Amino acid sequence: MPLGAAGGLIAKNKLIPGTVAVNKAQAKGGGKVIKIVLCQNGNSFVYRATVLGNQGAVKTVTVNAKTGQ
């Protein structure tokens, strides 16, 4: 689900804010986040980010929405 539509779900489940997830994904991926979505599997939540690396490589990075890891 896009972050713009996930506000209620983020608050209800005490997840890290989307802005924090973007920062974590950029640090993990070594570049700029070009897309990020919140995904749910049962009671588990993750942010999936598409990161454009400094050398032009595109990576998919996962951030745990509860812990930020």
Protein backbone atom coordinates (compact mmCIF):
# COMPACT_ATOMS: atom_id res chain seq x y z
CA MET A 1 0.00 0.00 0.00
CA PRO A 2 1.38 3.46 -0.83
CA LEU A 3 2.47 5.53 2.17
CA GLY A 4 -0.14 8.18 1.48
CA ALA A 5 -2.89 5.66 2.18
CA ALA A 6 -1.15 3.87 5.06
CA GLY A 7 -1.39 6.50 7.82
CA GLY A 8 -4.16 4.80 9.77
CA LEU A 9 -2.52 1.39 9.49
CA ILE A 10 0.83 2.80 10.63
CA ALA A 11 -0.71 4.48 13.70
CA LYS A 12 -2.97 1.55 14.60
CA ASN A 13 -0.11 -0.97 14.53
CA LYS A 14 2.53 1.35 16.06
CA LEU A 15 4.80 1.09 13.03
CA ILE A 16 7.74 3.38 12.32
CA PRO A 17 6.72 6.42 10.25
CA GLY A 18 7.25 6.35 6.50
CA THR A 19 9.85 9.12 6.67
CA VAL A 20 11.95 7.03 9.06
CA ALA A 21 11.57 4.02 6.76
CA VAL A 22 12.79 6.10 3.80
CA ASN A 23 15.89 7.16 5.75
CA LYS A 24 16.60 3.55 6.81
CA ALA A 25 16.13 2.28 3.24
CA GLN A 26 18.47 4.96 1.85
CA ALA A 27 21.13 3.99 4.40
CA LYS A 28 20.74 0.28 3.62
CA GLY A 29 20.60 0.74 -0.14
CA GLY A 30 23.29 3.37 -0.50
CA GLY A 31 21.24 5.72 -2.64
CA LYS A 32 17.94 7.53 -3.06
CA VAL A 33 14.52 5.93 -2.50
CA ILE A 34 12.45 6.29 -5.65
CA LYS A 35 9.46 4.24 -4.42
CA ILE A 36 8.37 2.82 -1.07
CA VAL A 37 5.30 0.83 -0.07
CA LEU A 38 4.03 -0.77 3.12
CA CYS A 39 3.36 -4.51 2.84
CA GLN A 40 1.46 -6.72 5.27
CA ASN A 41 1.67 -10.49 5.70
CA GLY A 42 -0.65 -11.46 8.55
CA ASN A 43 0.53 -9.48 11.56
CA SER A 44 3.93 -8.75 10.02
CA PHE A 45 4.65 -5.45 8.28
CA VAL A 46 7.58 -4.40 6.10
CA TYR A 47 8.40 -1.43 3.95
CA ARG A 48 9.68 -2.38 0.48
CA ALA A 49 11.75 0.36 -1.08
CA THR A 50 13.18 0.73 -4.55
CA VAL A 51 16.53 2.48 -4.19
CA LEU A 52 18.52 4.11 -6.99
CA GLY A 53 22.19 3.68 -6.07
CA ASN A 54 24.91 6.25 -6.58
CA GLN A 55 26.27 4.26 -9.55
CA GLY A 56 22.82 3.97 -11.17
CA ALA A 57 22.02 0.46 -9.95
CA VAL A 58 18.46 -0.19 -8.78
CA LYS A 59 17.97 -2.26 -5.61
CA THR A 60 15.00 -3.46 -3.61
CA VAL A 61 15.47 -2.95 0.13
CA THR A 62 13.23 -4.27 2.91
CA VAL A 63 12.81 -2.45 6.24
CA ASN A 64 10.99 -4.06 9.16
CA ALA A 65 8.11 -1.69 9.91
CA LYS A 66 8.12 -2.47 13.65
CA THR A 67 11.86 -2.33 14.40
CA GLY A 68 13.34 -0.30 11.55
CA GLN A 69 15.89 -3.03 10.83
